[in-house]
Amino acid sequence: MYEFHGDKSYYFDMTRKVTEGHIIPFIKEQGAWKDGMSVLEIGCGEAGVLKAFADQGCNTFGIELEESRLNFARQFMAEELKTGKVQFLNRDIYEVDAEKDIGSRFDLIILKDVIEHIPNQEKFMPQLHRFLKSGGTIFFAFPPWNMPYGGHQQVLPGKLASRLPWYHLLPGPLYPAVLKLLGTPKLSIEGMLDVKSTGISIQRFLRVVKKSGFQEKARRFYLFNPIYEYKFGIKPRKQSAVIAAIPRLRDFFTMGVYFLVEENQTS
């Protein structure tokens, strides 16, 4: 399961297609698009997301902590690098100065499947003000922590460990004990515990957004995350309006969320 994670070309193309088919249309529908806008992706990985924006005429920039992933990004976007449509920076976001290291701020900032991996989101989120132009927007996509596979256990090698839903919500030492019982290797258990320490629910995300001086501009909840079409052959499906309106319930049954946020001018 999840062999495609090792196929960087396929993974690049998969994220490009999801961005073209779902993320960019969502942004356009919310009136947060303008031709030739500048786009920053934090945690850009192999840059499939940025490829889709570059193809739309945007000026793109990717920041990524893992140099090995940027090596693939440079390979896949060699033409855009030559023409100046994309730039990359291998650095910790806390150490980046938008003016000195990049030279400008951005109309749009993207964090796709990233915020749930960042420790201390309350400290991280205010950093985004440093990179955002006045009137700019930030796009977030993430799997809510409380959803069936919010612990990312679907990537585990064991058949049962990768398919059991919701057991990442087990408290304290019970979760690693169950992982061990299911035959999960020690290194994989450590990875699952890292995700557990940073996983973020919809409600906590909204609280962090507000506390950090931002406000929600738009949202979209999915019962089946758009990327599942390429991972599992499951067609995207939006969450029902009834479930989406019930905070505690939606956290457990919504497998993907899109948010656009903007600076709160009154804060």
Protein backbone atom coordinates (compact mmCIF):
# COMPACT_ATOMS: atom_id res chain seq x y z
CA MET A 1 0.00 0.00 0.00
CA TYR A 2 1.15 3.52 -0.78
CA GLU A 3 3.90 2.39 -3.16
CA PHE A 4 3.41 5.65 -5.07
CA HIS A 5 5.11 7.56 -2.24
CA GLY A 6 8.34 6.06 -3.59
CA ASP A 7 7.48 7.05 -7.16
CA LYS A 8 8.24 10.75 -7.03
CA SER A 9 7.20 11.36 -10.62
CA TYR A 10 3.76 9.89 -9.99
CA TYR A 11 3.41 11.76 -6.70
CA PHE A 12 4.36 15.03 -8.42
CA ASP A 13 1.77 14.43 -11.14
CA MET A 14 -0.87 13.43 -8.61
CA THR A 15 -0.55 16.65 -6.61
CA ARG A 16 -0.51 18.68 -9.83
CA LYS A 17 -3.80 17.11 -10.96
CA VAL A 18 -5.48 17.65 -7.58
CA THR A 19 -4.38 21.29 -7.65
CA GLU A 20 -5.63 21.82 -11.20
CA GLY A 21 -8.92 20.04 -10.63
CA HIS A 22 -9.85 21.17 -7.12
CA ILE A 23 -7.57 23.66 -5.37
CA ILE A 24 -7.29 26.29 -8.11
CA PRO A 25 -11.04 26.17 -8.90
CA PHE A 26 -11.81 26.60 -5.18
CA ILE A 27 -9.53 29.64 -4.97
CA LYS A 28 -11.04 31.16 -8.12
CA GLU A 29 -14.60 30.57 -6.91
CA GLN A 30 -13.84 32.51 -3.73
CA GLY A 31 -12.53 35.55 -5.62
CA ALA A 32 -8.97 35.08 -4.36
CA TRP A 33 -7.39 34.79 -7.80
CA LYS A 34 -5.73 37.33 -10.07
CA ASP A 35 -3.71 36.76 -13.20
CA GLY A 36 0.05 36.68 -12.72
CA MET A 37 -0.20 36.60 -8.94
CA SER A 38 2.73 35.58 -6.75
CA VAL A 39 2.38 32.25 -4.95
CA LEU A 40 4.43 30.84 -2.07
CA GLU A 41 4.14 27.23 -0.99
CA ILE A 42 5.53 26.31 2.42
CA GLY A 43 6.51 22.64 2.49
CA CYS A 44 6.41 22.38 -1.29
CA GLY A 45 7.94 18.89 -1.49
CA GLU A 46 8.41 17.85 -5.12
CA ALA A 47 6.41 20.95 -6.22
CA GLY A 48 3.47 19.36 -8.00
CA VAL A 49 1.20 22.04 -6.51
CA LEU A 50 3.44 24.85 -7.73
CA LYS A 51 3.59 23.31 -11.20
CA ALA A 52 -0.17 23.75 -11.56
CA PHE A 53 0.05 27.42 -10.52
CA ALA A 54 3.01 28.08 -12.80
CA ASP A 55 1.05 26.60 -15.71
CA GLN A 56 -1.64 29.20 -14.96
CA GLY A 57 0.89 32.03 -15.33
CA CYS A 58 1.64 32.59 -11.64
CA ASN A 59 5.08 33.48 -10.29
CA THR A 60 5.87 30.73 -7.81
CA PHE A 61 8.24 30.15 -4.91
CA GLY A 62 8.69 27.02 -2.82
CA ILE A 63 10.23 26.60 0.63
CA GLU A 64 11.11 23.07 1.68
CA LEU A 65 13.11 21.75 4.63
CA GLU A 66 14.10 18.45 2.98
CA GLU A 67 16.79 19.04 0.35
CA SER A 68 16.22 15.57 -1.14
CA ARG A 69 12.66 16.53 -2.08
CA LEU A 70 13.82 19.80 -3.60
CA ASN A 71 16.22 17.89 -5.81
CA PHE A 72 13.20 16.21 -7.40
CA ALA A 73 11.37 19.56 -7.60
CA ARG A 74 14.28 21.08 -9.51
CA GLN A 75 14.26 18.14 -11.87
CA PHE A 76 10.51 18.19 -12.50
CA MET A 77 10.39 21.98 -12.92
CA ALA A 78 13.66 22.50 -14.78
CA GLU A 79 11.98 24.56 -17.51
CA GLU A 80 10.22 26.83 -15.00
CA LEU A 81 13.52 27.36 -13.21
CA LYS A 82 15.17 28.43 -16.47
CA THR A 83 12.41 30.92 -17.26
CA GLY A 84 12.18 32.26 -13.70
CA LYS A 85 8.63 31.05 -13.13
CA VAL A 86 9.67 29.21 -9.97
CA GLN A 87 12.32 29.54 -7.28
CA PHE A 88 13.17 27.22 -4.40
CA LEU A 89 14.68 27.70 -0.97
CA ASN A 90 15.91 24.94 1.34
CA ARG A 91 15.51 26.46 4.80
CA ASP A 92 13.56 26.38 8.05
CA ILE A 93 10.66 28.82 7.73
CA TYR A 94 11.58 30.49 11.03
CA GLU A 95 14.97 31.41 9.55
CA VAL A 96 13.61 32.98 6.35
CA ASP A 97 13.43 36.76 5.95
CA ALA A 98 10.84 37.50 3.27
CA GLU A 99 12.48 40.76 2.17
CA LYS A 100 16.15 39.70 2.32
CA ASP A 101 15.92 36.05 1.25
CA ILE A 102 13.04 36.27 -1.21
CA GLY A 103 12.73 39.93 -2.10
CA SER A 104 8.97 40.25 -1.85
CA ARG A 105 5.78 39.13 -0.19
CA PHE A 106 3.04 37.05 -1.78
CA ASP A 107 -0.56 37.31 -2.96
CA LEU A 108 -1.22 33.70 -1.99
CA ILE A 109 0.43 31.33 0.48
CA ILE A 110 -0.26 27.59 0.27
CA LEU A 111 0.05 24.94 2.96
CA LYS A 112 -1.26 21.69 1.54
CA ASP A 113 -1.07 18.71 3.91
CA VAL A 114 1.55 20.57 5.96
CA ILE A 115 -0.05 22.29 8.96
CA GLU A 116 -0.84 18.92 10.60
CA HIS A 117 2.89 18.10 10.66
CA ILE A 118 4.12 21.38 12.16
CA PRO A 119 4.86 21.41 15.92
CA ASN A 120 3.46 24.29 17.96
CA GLN A 121 1.03 25.67 15.38
CA GLU A 122 0.24 28.57 17.72
CA LYS A 123 3.83 29.75 17.30
CA PHE A 124 4.01 28.99 13.58
CA MET A 125 0.80 30.58 12.31
CA PRO A 126 1.66 34.23 13.17
CA GLN A 127 4.85 33.82 11.09
CA LEU A 128 2.72 33.86 7.94
CA HIS A 129 2.07 37.60 8.31
CA ARG A 130 5.72 38.15 7.34
CA PHE A 131 5.18 36.60 3.91
CA LEU A 132 1.71 37.83 2.98
CA LYS A 133 0.96 40.93 0.94
CA SER A 134 -1.74 43.28 2.17
CA GLY A 135 -5.02 41.87 0.91
CA GLY A 136 -3.46 38.45 0.29
CA THR A 137 -4.89 35.06 1.23
CA ILE A 138 -3.62 31.77 2.65
CA PHE A 139 -4.86 28.37 1.50
CA PHE A 140 -4.83 25.39 3.87
CA ALA A 141 -5.68 21.78 3.09
CA PHE A 142 -5.36 19.10 5.74
CA PRO A 143 -6.95 15.90 7.07
CA PRO A 144 -8.65 16.70 10.40
CA TRP A 145 -7.10 14.83 13.30
CA ASN A 146 -10.32 13.16 14.45
CA MET A 147 -11.26 11.67 11.09
CA PRO A 148 -10.90 7.87 10.59
CA TYR A 149 -7.30 8.04 9.35
CA GLY A 150 -6.23 11.36 10.82
CA GLY A 151 -3.21 9.66 12.39
CA HIS A 152 -1.85 8.77 8.92
CA GLN A 153 -1.88 5.13 10.00
CA GLN A 154 -2.88 4.17 6.43
CA VAL A 155 0.80 4.43 5.45
CA LEU A 156 1.86 1.67 7.86
CA PRO A 157 3.20 -1.58 6.36
CA GLY A 158 0.90 -3.94 8.29
CA LYS A 159 -2.43 -4.72 6.61
CA LEU A 160 -4.50 -4.48 9.80
CA ALA A 161 -2.54 -1.52 11.22
CA SER A 162 -3.05 0.44 8.00
CA ARG A 163 -6.79 -0.23 7.72
CA LEU A 164 -8.17 0.16 11.24
CA PRO A 165 -9.93 3.53 11.62
CA TRP A 166 -9.85 5.90 14.58
CA TYR A 167 -7.46 3.96 16.80
CA HIS A 168 -4.97 6.87 16.61
CA LEU A 169 -7.33 8.58 19.09
CA LEU A 170 -6.46 6.11 21.84
CA PRO A 171 -5.09 7.97 24.87
CA GLY A 172 -1.62 7.94 26.45
CA PRO A 173 0.51 4.80 26.16
CA LEU A 174 -2.42 2.75 24.84
CA TYR A 175 -1.89 3.92 21.23
CA PRO A 176 1.78 2.85 20.91
CA ALA A 177 0.93 -0.38 22.71
CA VAL A 178 -1.72 -1.21 20.11
CA LEU A 179 0.65 -0.26 17.29
CA LYS A 180 3.22 -2.66 18.70
CA LEU A 181 0.59 -5.37 19.09
CA LEU A 182 -0.27 -4.94 15.41
CA GLY A 183 3.34 -5.60 14.47
CA THR A 184 4.33 -2.02 13.66
CA PRO A 185 8.12 -1.47 13.50
CA LYS A 186 9.63 0.80 16.17
CA LEU A 187 10.59 3.51 13.67
CA SER A 188 7.04 3.59 12.29
CA ILE A 189 5.62 3.84 15.81
CA GLU A 190 7.82 6.87 16.44
CA GLY A 191 6.53 8.43 13.23
CA MET A 192 2.92 7.83 14.24
CA LEU A 193 3.56 9.43 17.64
CA ASP A 194 5.08 12.46 15.91
CA VAL A 195 1.88 12.86 13.90
CA LYS A 196 -0.20 12.44 17.06
CA SER A 197 1.73 15.28 18.70
CA THR A 198 0.96 17.71 15.85
CA GLY A 199 -2.41 16.54 14.50
CA ILE A 200 -4.96 19.34 14.34
CA SER A 201 -8.76 19.22 14.45
CA ILE A 202 -11.03 21.61 12.56
CA GLN A 203 -12.04 23.40 15.75
CA ARG A 204 -8.50 23.87 16.99
CA PHE A 205 -7.39 25.08 13.57
CA LEU A 206 -10.07 27.77 13.65
CA ARG A 207 -9.01 28.84 17.15
CA VAL A 208 -5.36 29.11 16.09
CA VAL A 209 -6.35 31.10 13.00
CA LYS A 210 -8.28 33.63 15.09
CA LYS A 211 -5.60 33.84 17.79
CA SER A 212 -2.95 34.48 15.12
CA GLY A 213 -4.64 37.58 13.70
CA PHE A 214 -6.35 35.93 10.72
CA GLN A 215 -9.97 35.34 9.83
CA GLU A 216 -11.72 32.72 7.76
CA LYS A 217 -12.62 33.72 4.20
CA ALA A 218 -13.98 30.43 2.83
CA ARG A 219 -14.17 26.72 3.59
CA ARG A 220 -14.96 23.42 1.91
CA PHE A 221 -15.35 20.08 3.68
CA TYR A 222 -14.96 16.73 1.95
CA LEU A 223 -16.33 13.36 2.98
CA PHE A 224 -13.82 11.90 0.51
CA ASN A 225 -10.68 13.99 0.02
CA PRO A 226 -10.02 14.84 -3.69
CA ILE A 227 -6.59 13.20 -3.53
CA TYR A 228 -8.26 9.85 -2.73
CA GLU A 229 -9.18 9.60 -6.41
CA TYR A 230 -5.50 9.06 -7.22
CA LYS A 231 -4.62 7.12 -4.09
CA PHE A 232 -7.58 4.74 -3.92
CA GLY A 233 -9.75 5.35 -6.99
CA ILE A 234 -12.45 6.95 -4.80
CA LYS A 235 -14.23 9.89 -6.39
CA PRO A 236 -14.20 13.16 -4.39
CA ARG A 237 -17.38 13.88 -2.47
CA LYS A 238 -18.23 16.98 -0.51
CA GLN A 239 -19.42 16.61 3.06
CA SER A 240 -23.17 16.89 3.60
CA ALA A 241 -24.33 20.31 4.74
CA VAL A 242 -25.96 18.81 7.83
CA ILE A 243 -22.80 17.10 9.11
CA ALA A 244 -20.61 20.07 8.10
CA ALA A 245 -22.75 22.29 10.34
CA ILE A 246 -22.20 20.18 13.49
CA PRO A 247 -18.71 20.94 14.87
CA ARG A 248 -18.04 17.85 17.00
CA LEU A 249 -19.59 15.43 14.53
CA ARG A 250 -17.88 16.77 11.39
CA ASP A 251 -14.43 16.36 12.93
CA PHE A 252 -14.92 12.58 12.95
CA PHE A 253 -16.37 12.12 9.46
CA THR A 254 -14.70 14.78 7.32
CA MET A 255 -11.63 13.36 5.58
CA GLY A 256 -10.32 16.57 4.08
CA VAL A 257 -10.83 20.32 4.46
CA TYR A 258 -9.96 23.37 2.38
CA PHE A 259 -9.74 26.78 4.04
CA LEU A 260 -8.92 30.25 2.78
CA VAL A 261 -7.94 32.76 5.45
CA GLU A 262 -6.97 36.42 5.34
CA GLU A 263 -5.55 38.95 7.76
CA ASN A 264 -8.02 40.33 10.27
CA GLN A 265 -7.80 44.07 9.75
CA THR A 266 -9.55 44.79 13.05
CA SER A 267 -7.15 42.77 15.21
